Protein backbone atom coordinates (compact mmCIF):
# COMPACT_ATOMS: atom_id res chain seq x y z
CA MET A 1 41.10 -7.35 -62.06
CA GLU A 2 39.07 -3.91 -62.93
CA MET A 3 36.04 -6.56 -61.99
CA GLU A 4 37.95 -7.37 -58.38
CA LEU A 5 38.57 -4.02 -57.50
CA GLN A 6 35.12 -2.89 -58.38
CA LEU A 7 33.62 -5.77 -56.43
CA ARG A 8 36.17 -4.93 -53.00
CA TRP A 9 35.08 -1.30 -53.52
CA GLY A 10 31.04 -2.96 -53.15
CA THR A 11 32.28 -4.97 -50.65
CA TRP A 12 33.47 -1.91 -48.60
CA GLU A 13 31.30 0.49 -49.42
CA MET A 14 28.26 -2.10 -47.91
CA ALA A 15 30.04 -2.64 -44.41
CA ALA A 16 30.40 0.96 -44.31
CA ALA A 17 26.98 1.61 -44.40
CA ILE A 18 26.18 -1.07 -42.09
CA GLY A 19 29.00 0.30 -39.58
CA VAL A 20 26.52 3.52 -39.59
CA LEU A 21 23.48 1.76 -39.41
CA LEU A 22 24.78 0.42 -36.00
CA LEU A 23 25.72 3.45 -35.16
CA LEU A 24 22.23 4.97 -35.61
CA SER A 25 20.50 2.16 -34.00
CA ALA A 26 22.77 2.97 -31.17
CA PHE A 27 22.03 6.67 -31.06
CA PHE A 28 18.20 5.27 -31.17
CA SER A 29 18.35 3.19 -28.48
CA GLY A 30 20.62 5.47 -26.44
CA ALA A 31 17.64 8.38 -27.30
CA GLU A 32 15.02 6.54 -25.85
CA THR A 33 16.93 5.61 -22.55
CA ALA A 34 17.50 8.98 -22.06
CA LEU A 35 14.64 10.96 -22.69
CA THR A 36 12.31 8.31 -20.33
CA GLY A 37 15.14 8.37 -17.57
CA ALA A 38 16.06 12.09 -17.16
CA SER A 39 15.21 13.44 -14.02
CA LYS A 40 11.64 15.54 -14.25
CA ALA A 41 12.83 17.04 -11.00
CA ARG A 42 16.16 18.60 -12.47
CA MET A 43 14.97 18.91 -15.68
CA HIS A 44 11.88 21.22 -14.56
CA ALA A 45 14.07 23.44 -12.01
CA LEU A 46 16.76 23.88 -15.15
CA GLU A 47 13.62 24.94 -17.36
CA MET A 48 12.92 27.14 -14.86
CA GLU A 49 16.48 28.64 -14.58
CA GLY A 50 16.16 29.42 -18.47
CA ASN A 51 17.70 26.39 -20.03
CA ARG A 52 16.36 26.21 -23.88
CA ARG A 53 17.49 22.28 -23.82
CA ALA A 54 16.18 20.82 -20.89
CA ALA A 55 12.53 22.85 -21.85
CA MET A 56 12.85 21.05 -24.93
CA VAL A 57 13.25 17.79 -23.28
CA ASN A 58 10.15 18.77 -21.28
CA LYS A 59 8.13 19.37 -24.25
CA LEU A 60 8.88 15.99 -25.77
CA ARG A 61 7.91 14.18 -22.92
CA GLU A 62 4.83 15.94 -22.63
CA GLN A 63 3.77 14.04 -26.53
CA LYS A 64 5.39 10.43 -25.28
CA ASP A 65 3.44 8.72 -27.85
CA ARG A 66 4.79 10.56 -30.74
CA LEU A 67 8.52 10.80 -28.85
CA ILE A 68 8.76 6.71 -28.41
CA GLY A 69 7.03 6.41 -31.75
CA ALA A 70 9.23 8.31 -33.30
CA ILE A 71 12.43 6.33 -32.01
CA LEU A 72 10.82 3.00 -32.12
CA LEU A 73 10.07 3.46 -35.83
CA GLY A 74 13.31 4.71 -36.74
CA SER A 75 15.34 2.21 -35.04
CA ASN A 76 13.41 -0.86 -36.71
CA ILE A 77 14.04 1.07 -40.04
CA VAL A 78 17.81 1.16 -39.19
CA ASN A 79 17.67 -2.61 -37.61
CA THR A 80 16.17 -4.03 -40.45
CA LEU A 81 18.21 -2.26 -43.35
CA SER A 82 21.29 -3.43 -41.86
CA SER A 83 20.20 -6.96 -41.17
CA ALA A 84 19.44 -6.88 -45.03
CA LEU A 85 22.41 -5.46 -45.86
CA ALA A 86 25.06 -8.01 -43.62
CA THR A 87 22.52 -10.94 -45.01
CA SER A 88 23.44 -9.70 -48.53
CA LEU A 89 26.95 -9.35 -47.85
CA PHE A 90 27.73 -12.45 -46.37
CA ILE A 91 25.63 -14.62 -48.91
CA HIS A 92 27.80 -12.70 -51.92
CA LEU A 93 30.97 -13.48 -50.06
CA PHE A 94 30.16 -16.84 -48.45
CA GLY A 95 26.90 -17.95 -50.63
CA ALA A 96 23.98 -19.93 -48.87
CA GLU A 97 25.95 -20.50 -45.62
CA GLY A 98 26.38 -16.52 -45.49
CA VAL A 99 22.97 -16.04 -43.85
CA LEU A 100 23.98 -18.18 -40.94
CA TYR A 101 26.97 -16.17 -40.30
CA ALA A 102 24.86 -12.44 -40.98
CA THR A 103 22.64 -13.46 -38.71
CA GLY A 104 24.99 -14.50 -35.91
CA LEU A 105 27.35 -11.51 -36.66
CA MET A 106 24.06 -9.10 -36.89
CA THR A 107 22.88 -10.50 -33.75
CA VAL A 108 26.13 -10.10 -31.42
CA LEU A 109 26.54 -6.58 -32.91
CA LEU A 110 22.77 -4.88 -32.37
CA LEU A 111 23.18 -6.61 -28.95
CA ILE A 112 26.30 -5.41 -27.56
CA PHE A 113 27.17 -2.26 -29.53
CA SER A 114 23.42 -0.80 -30.76
CA GLU A 115 21.49 -1.79 -27.22
CA VAL A 116 24.09 -2.79 -24.28
CA LEU A 117 26.53 0.21 -24.21
CA PRO A 118 24.41 3.04 -25.48
CA LYS A 119 21.78 2.07 -23.14
CA THR A 120 24.39 1.79 -20.03
CA TYR A 121 26.11 5.00 -20.93
CA CYS A 122 22.63 6.81 -21.36
CA MET A 123 21.39 5.30 -18.12
CA ILE A 124 24.08 6.53 -16.22
CA ARG A 125 24.47 10.45 -17.76
CA ALA A 126 20.41 10.56 -18.90
CA ASP A 127 20.02 14.16 -18.46
CA SER A 128 23.05 15.41 -20.18
CA VAL A 129 22.09 13.06 -22.95
CA ALA A 130 18.74 13.89 -23.19
CA MET A 131 19.21 17.52 -23.40
CA ALA A 132 22.22 16.98 -26.22
CA ILE A 133 19.91 15.06 -28.33
CA ALA A 134 16.68 16.67 -27.79
CA PRO A 135 17.09 19.00 -30.86
CA ILE A 136 17.52 16.53 -33.05
CA ILE A 137 15.00 13.72 -31.84
CA ARG A 138 12.74 17.12 -32.19
CA VAL A 139 13.23 17.20 -36.08
CA LEU A 140 13.10 13.50 -36.66
CA ILE A 141 9.26 13.63 -34.65
CA TRP A 142 8.48 16.33 -37.24
CA LEU A 143 9.84 14.16 -40.34
CA PHE A 144 8.09 10.87 -38.85
CA THR A 145 4.91 12.90 -37.90
CA PRO A 146 2.98 11.57 -41.54
CA ALA A 147 4.10 7.64 -40.55
CA LEU A 148 2.72 7.87 -37.01
CA VAL A 149 -0.16 9.38 -37.64
CA LEU A 150 -0.86 6.89 -40.37
CA LEU A 151 -0.02 4.12 -37.58
CA SER A 152 -2.03 5.52 -34.95
CA ALA A 153 -4.66 5.45 -36.86
CA MET A 154 -3.88 1.83 -37.44
CA LEU A 155 -3.28 0.88 -34.47
CA ALA A 156 -6.64 2.33 -32.90
CA VAL A 157 -8.41 0.24 -35.86
CA MET A 158 -6.56 -2.79 -34.58
CA MET A 159 -7.66 -2.02 -30.87
CA ARG A 160 -11.07 -1.17 -31.81
CA LEU A 161 -11.50 -4.88 -33.49
CA MET A 162 -9.65 -6.59 -30.53
CA LYS A 163 -11.87 -4.98 -28.05
CA PRO A 164 -9.00 -5.41 -25.36
CA GLN A 165 -10.87 -5.14 -21.55
CA ASN A 166 -8.53 -3.68 -18.63
CA THR A 167 -8.46 -6.08 -16.11
CA SER A 168 -5.44 -4.04 -14.59
CA ASN A 169 -6.43 -3.09 -10.68
CA THR A 170 -4.83 -0.37 -8.89
CA GLU A 171 -4.57 -1.43 -5.92
CA GLU A 172 -2.94 -4.61 -6.51
CA GLU A 173 -0.79 -2.56 -8.64
CA LEU A 174 0.18 -0.67 -5.24
CA ARG A 175 0.36 -3.34 -3.19
CA GLY A 176 2.88 -4.67 -5.32
CA ALA A 177 4.91 -1.76 -5.80
CA ILE A 178 4.91 -1.43 -2.07
CA GLU A 179 6.10 -5.08 -1.70
CA LEU A 180 9.02 -4.43 -4.31
CA HIS A 181 10.34 -1.24 -2.28
CA GLU A 182 13.66 -2.10 -0.57
CA THR A 183 16.10 0.14 1.47
CA GLU A 184 18.88 -0.85 3.66
CA GLU A 185 17.23 0.06 6.76
CA GLU A 186 15.08 -2.95 6.59
CA LEU A 187 13.35 -2.25 9.90
CA ARG A 188 12.33 1.59 8.83
CA THR A 189 11.23 -0.39 5.35
CA HIS A 190 9.11 -3.22 6.81
CA ALA A 191 7.18 -0.61 8.80
CA LYS A 192 7.11 1.71 5.82
CA ARG A 193 5.45 -0.93 4.06
CA ALA A 194 2.92 -2.16 7.03
CA MET A 195 2.03 1.35 6.96
CA LEU A 196 0.83 1.46 3.84
CA HIS A 197 -0.82 -1.66 3.33
CA SER A 198 -2.67 -0.44 6.70
CA ILE A 199 -3.77 2.69 4.18
CA LEU A 200 -5.04 0.29 1.83
CA ASP A 201 -6.95 -1.86 3.94
CA LEU A 202 -9.00 1.59 5.57
CA ALA A 203 -11.38 0.45 2.75
CA ASP A 204 -11.93 -3.18 3.51
CA VAL A 205 -12.53 -2.66 7.45
CA ASP A 206 -15.71 -1.54 9.29
CA VAL A 207 -15.50 0.24 12.33
CA SER A 208 -17.11 -3.14 14.39
CA SER A 209 -13.88 -4.73 13.83
CA ILE A 210 -11.64 -1.51 15.77
CA MET A 211 -14.00 -0.36 17.92
CA THR A 212 -14.40 -0.61 21.48
CA HIS A 213 -17.08 -3.09 22.81
CA ARG A 214 -19.57 -1.69 24.96
CA LYS A 215 -18.31 -4.07 27.53
CA GLY A 216 -15.07 -2.00 27.81
CA VAL A 217 -16.63 0.96 27.70
CA GLU A 218 -16.78 3.65 30.63
CA THR A 219 -20.10 5.05 30.48
CA VAL A 220 -21.99 7.48 33.18
CA ASP A 221 -25.45 7.02 34.87
CA ILE A 222 -26.89 10.41 34.74
CA SER A 223 -29.06 9.39 37.37
CA GLN A 224 -26.34 8.95 40.09
CA PRO A 225 -25.62 11.62 42.24
CA ILE A 226 -23.16 15.08 41.15
CA SER A 227 -20.21 14.17 43.37
CA VAL A 228 -20.31 10.08 42.08
CA ILE A 229 -19.69 11.40 38.33
CA ILE A 230 -17.27 14.33 39.26
CA ASP A 231 -15.74 10.80 40.60
CA GLN A 232 -15.67 8.70 37.86
CA VAL A 233 -14.24 11.20 35.19
CA LEU A 234 -11.56 11.97 37.70
CA ASP A 235 -10.98 8.06 38.26
CA ASN A 236 -10.45 7.15 34.21
CA ALA A 237 -8.12 7.99 31.73
CA TYR A 238 -10.51 8.63 29.16
CA SER A 239 -11.23 12.64 28.46
CA ARG A 240 -15.12 11.67 26.69
CA LEU A 241 -17.33 9.53 28.47
CA PRO A 242 -21.07 8.39 26.68
CA VAL A 243 -23.65 9.47 29.40
CA PHE A 244 -26.78 7.50 29.13
CA ARG A 245 -30.22 7.50 31.46
CA ASP A 246 -32.08 4.69 32.82
CA ASP A 247 -31.23 2.24 30.17
CA ALA A 248 -27.30 1.41 29.00
CA ASP A 249 -28.52 1.62 25.47
CA ASN A 250 -30.08 5.44 26.00
CA ILE A 251 -27.20 7.47 24.98
CA ILE A 252 -28.47 10.96 25.50
CA GLY A 253 -24.66 12.54 25.28
CA ILE A 254 -21.09 13.17 25.54
CA LEU A 255 -19.72 14.44 28.90
CA HIS A 256 -15.74 16.02 28.25
CA ALA A 257 -13.65 15.75 31.47
CA LYS A 258 -12.17 19.64 30.37
CA ALA A 259 -15.99 20.99 30.23
CA LEU A 260 -17.03 19.38 33.30
CA LEU A 261 -13.41 20.54 34.87
CA ARG A 262 -14.30 24.36 33.60
CA GLU A 263 -17.71 23.92 35.26
CA ILE A 264 -16.25 22.99 38.14
CA SER A 265 -13.99 25.80 38.27
CA ALA A 266 -17.04 28.61 37.36
CA VAL A 267 -18.93 27.61 40.23
CA ASN A 268 -15.59 27.66 42.82
CA GLY A 269 -15.51 23.93 43.36
CA ASP A 270 -19.72 23.47 44.86
CA PHE A 271 -20.51 20.61 43.02
CA GLU A 272 -24.18 20.72 43.66
CA GLN A 273 -24.45 23.50 41.24
CA VAL A 274 -23.17 21.59 38.45
CA ASP A 275 -25.91 20.75 36.07
CA ILE A 276 -24.71 17.90 33.62
CA ALA A 277 -26.88 17.29 31.35
CA ARG A 278 -26.19 21.01 30.32
CA LEU A 279 -22.38 19.95 29.71
CA LEU A 280 -23.49 16.89 27.36
CA SER A 281 -22.54 17.35 23.74
CA ASP A 282 -24.28 15.39 20.98
CA PRO A 283 -23.84 12.06 20.46
CA TRP A 284 -22.96 10.94 17.00
CA PHE A 285 -24.42 7.33 16.01
CA ILE A 286 -22.53 5.22 13.32
CA PRO A 287 -23.69 2.17 12.06
CA GLU A 288 -21.03 -0.85 13.07
CA THR A 289 -20.73 -1.34 8.99
CA THR A 290 -19.22 2.14 8.76
CA ILE A 291 -15.95 1.39 6.59
CA LEU A 292 -12.71 2.99 8.50
CA PHE A 293 -12.07 5.21 5.22
CA ASP A 294 -15.80 6.78 5.03
CA GLN A 295 -15.31 7.29 9.00
CA LEU A 296 -11.69 8.67 9.06
CA GLN A 297 -13.13 11.25 5.94
CA ALA A 298 -16.77 12.04 8.44
CA PHE A 299 -14.16 12.60 11.32
CA ARG A 300 -12.10 14.90 9.31
CA GLU A 301 -14.99 16.73 7.98
CA ARG A 302 -17.89 16.93 11.29
CA LYS A 303 -13.91 18.40 13.03
CA GLU A 304 -14.90 15.16 15.89
CA HIS A 305 -13.09 12.13 16.77
CA PHE A 306 -15.65 10.62 18.90
CA ALA A 307 -18.13 8.36 17.43
CA ILE A 308 -21.22 5.75 19.22
CA VAL A 309 -21.20 2.46 16.82
CA VAL A 310 -24.86 0.96 16.90
CA ASP A 311 -26.03 -2.28 15.48
CA GLU A 312 -28.85 -2.69 13.02
CA TYR A 313 -31.44 -2.29 15.63
CA GLY A 314 -30.22 1.00 17.38
CA GLY A 315 -28.40 -0.51 20.00
CA PHE A 316 -25.33 0.65 21.89
CA LYS A 317 -22.45 -1.93 20.55
CA GLY A 318 -19.13 0.27 21.36
CA ILE A 319 -17.30 3.56 20.51
CA VAL A 320 -15.03 4.31 17.74
CA THR A 321 -12.38 7.32 18.02
CA LEU A 322 -10.20 9.19 15.37
CA GLU A 323 -7.35 7.56 17.59
CA ASP A 324 -8.72 3.93 16.87
CA ILE A 325 -8.08 4.31 13.27
CA LEU A 326 -5.08 6.65 13.03
CA GLU A 327 -3.56 3.29 14.87
CA GLU A 328 -4.70 1.37 12.40
CA ILE A 329 -2.29 2.76 9.87
CA VAL A 330 1.06 3.68 12.04
CA GLY A 331 0.41 1.48 14.61
CA ASP A 332 -0.40 1.41 18.99
CA ILE A 333 -0.17 5.35 19.85
CA GLU A 334 0.74 4.90 23.56
CA ASP A 335 -0.08 7.83 26.35
CA GLU A 336 0.97 7.36 30.21
CA HIS A 337 -2.58 5.90 30.76
CA ASP A 338 -2.07 3.39 27.79
CA VAL A 339 -1.29 -0.86 28.56
CA THR A 340 0.51 -2.27 25.70
CA VAL A 341 -1.84 -4.53 24.57
CA PRO A 342 -4.50 -4.71 27.43
CA GLY A 343 -5.93 -8.02 28.25
CA VAL A 344 -3.21 -10.08 27.01
CA ARG A 345 -0.33 -11.86 28.89
CA ALA A 346 3.07 -13.74 28.14
CA GLN A 347 3.57 -16.82 29.55
CA PRO A 348 7.02 -18.53 30.16
CA ASN A 349 6.20 -21.30 28.31
CA GLY A 350 5.52 -18.87 24.56
CA SER A 351 2.02 -19.32 25.11
CA PHE A 352 -0.28 -16.08 26.10
CA VAL A 353 -3.34 -15.49 28.37
CA VAL A 354 -5.86 -13.31 26.29
CA ASP A 355 -8.89 -11.97 27.88
CA GLY A 356 -11.85 -13.12 25.60
CA THR A 357 -12.70 -9.14 24.57
CA VAL A 358 -8.96 -8.65 22.78
CA THR A 359 -9.89 -8.23 19.15
CA VAL A 360 -8.19 -10.35 16.56
CA ARG A 361 -6.62 -7.27 14.84
CA ASP A 362 -4.98 -5.97 17.89
CA LEU A 363 -3.63 -9.45 18.58
CA ASN A 364 -2.12 -9.93 15.18
CA ARG A 365 -0.91 -6.40 15.03
CA ALA A 366 1.12 -6.77 18.62
CA LEU A 367 2.32 -10.23 17.98
CA GLY A 368 2.89 -10.64 14.58
CA TRP A 369 0.49 -13.46 14.19
CA ASP A 370 -2.06 -13.69 11.14
CA LEU A 371 -5.19 -15.04 12.37
CA PRO A 372 -8.03 -14.08 10.68
CA THR A 373 -10.70 -11.26 10.96
CA GLU A 374 -13.48 -11.60 8.42
CA ASP A 375 -16.30 -12.80 10.64
CA TYR A 376 -15.76 -11.65 14.13
CA SER A 377 -13.58 -9.12 15.87
CA THR A 378 -12.76 -10.45 19.31
CA ILE A 379 -10.94 -13.62 20.25
CA ALA A 380 -13.89 -14.92 21.71
CA GLY A 381 -15.38 -14.64 19.04
CA LEU A 382 -13.08 -16.32 16.70
CA VAL A 383 -13.42 -19.53 18.78
CA LEU A 384 -17.38 -19.25 18.83
CA HIS A 385 -16.93 -19.09 15.01
CA GLU A 386 -14.70 -21.71 14.32
CA SER A 387 -16.16 -24.52 16.74
CA LYS A 388 -19.73 -23.85 16.17
CA MET A 389 -20.49 -24.25 20.05
CA ILE A 390 -20.20 -22.78 23.24
CA PRO A 391 -17.17 -24.31 24.41
CA ALA A 392 -16.50 -25.43 28.23
CA VAL A 393 -13.60 -24.49 30.51
CA GLY A 394 -10.63 -26.97 29.74
CA GLN A 395 -11.62 -27.45 26.31
CA ASN A 396 -8.49 -27.14 23.82
CA PHE A 397 -8.80 -26.45 19.65
CA THR A 398 -7.05 -25.89 16.91
CA PHE A 399 -7.31 -23.42 13.90
CA HIS A 400 -5.33 -21.72 11.84
CA GLY A 401 -2.29 -23.20 12.92
CA TYR A 402 -3.10 -22.16 16.87
CA ARG A 403 -3.81 -23.56 19.77
CA PHE A 404 -7.05 -22.57 22.10
CA ARG A 405 -7.95 -23.83 25.58
CA ILE A 406 -10.85 -22.18 27.42
CA LEU A 407 -9.63 -21.28 30.49
CA LYS A 408 -12.68 -18.81 32.29
CA ARG A 409 -16.32 -18.49 30.84
CA HIS A 410 -18.70 -16.52 32.34
CA ARG A 411 -22.30 -17.46 31.49
CA ASN A 412 -22.39 -18.09 27.93
CA GLN A 413 -19.42 -15.68 27.13
CA ILE A 414 -15.45 -16.81 27.02
CA THR A 415 -13.90 -14.45 29.03
CA LEU A 416 -10.18 -16.05 29.13
CA ILE A 417 -8.04 -18.06 26.86
CA ARG A 418 -4.53 -19.74 26.48
CA ILE A 419 -2.89 -19.24 22.73
CA ALA A 420 0.19 -20.21 21.10
CA PRO A 421 1.31 -20.96 17.67
CA GLU A 422 1.14 -24.79 16.91
CA SER A 423 5.10 -24.87 17.25
CA ALA A 424 5.14 -23.63 20.44
CA THR A 425 2.68 -26.74 21.35
CA MET A 426 4.83 -29.09 19.87
CA ALA A 427 7.90 -27.29 21.38
CA ALA A 428 6.51 -27.65 24.95
CA GLN A 429 5.19 -31.66 24.80
CA THR A 430 8.85 -32.57 23.25
CA ASN A 431 10.19 -31.55 26.62
CA PRO A 432 9.03 -33.46 29.79
CA GLN A 433 9.75 -30.10 31.95
CA SER A 434 7.19 -27.89 30.17
CA THR A 435 3.70 -27.40 30.61
CA PHE A 436 1.51 -26.05 27.36
CA LEU A 437 -2.39 -26.68 27.74
């Protein structure tokens, strides 16, 4: 009888010890969630107001390695010990089968009462729990410091032996984070994602992809009569115009409409006294391979927003402005003089008639298409690159899931193309009253 009583007390004492260890395990699990999930902004604000607990939380998070190390060390100790005691107890009670019983029971208890419940509670009340347990965790870190130092040394040796390579790609991580960002306002979210992606793309796109080609640039011949130049400046929608002498490739300066108007006012409207050459600002030449990110920084540093793009031979190729780069980020910035996607005209059958000089990037952005832009900048360039020929009027091509038909050609230059996704083409072909290409 006496031996049974002793055994019964031993059993209950062991069960009580397991219960205490489960509580400690729950404490460590909740502490990890609370201290890592507490609001940094709120803790900082409370510390500024003189809250000592909040200041303690901030200090603990500054030594994050030791904080996590101490919590994990304590958690592993109590979990291992509780499992060992439970196994010993169940073997004593049920024999060899007790191992299975102990494994099943401890798995359920640890999962529910030592992981899910404390982590869920501390996730909801992270700030208050973190401030409540901060003094206890600080003492535990002090107690575990020798073990943590030893573990850190062992880890450093093992990492040195394994020589792990850092294969993380910061840009890929940023793009993934952007895609994971969700909100109830889906339209605004899509716009934000597109803008953030465009910012990352600035380092991969050169100015030749977004510039206005020389054929679309309004230029001024300085040899013309002053009255003709003034009429030309007043009749267009641009505030800055490149000025050339003798040859269109010989850009000698930039004429600002405001400077011209000031000069006209200064001479009381006497056009003949206006000296255009004196009004010109120095042109800023940049190579066509300049990356958009670098050009944006250069615009900021020089406090300018207009540059002349030249090719590898120094020939005038086009212009790029600060607005062009900003539009790559935020989308088209329209004013009262702008035409929405100039050179693109929607057709009733779902196709689009597009000028050959329209850039692929503008078309993609305007219509939500995904035509590639790596080896060319304009729609005409895409057709020439993919077809490997100078096509004749009336020829049809299918590239990248889109159908192209050449409508006009001037000498060797494609000037007008009809384009539509293949899905629209198939729909038109199944309708006997509709013609597509």
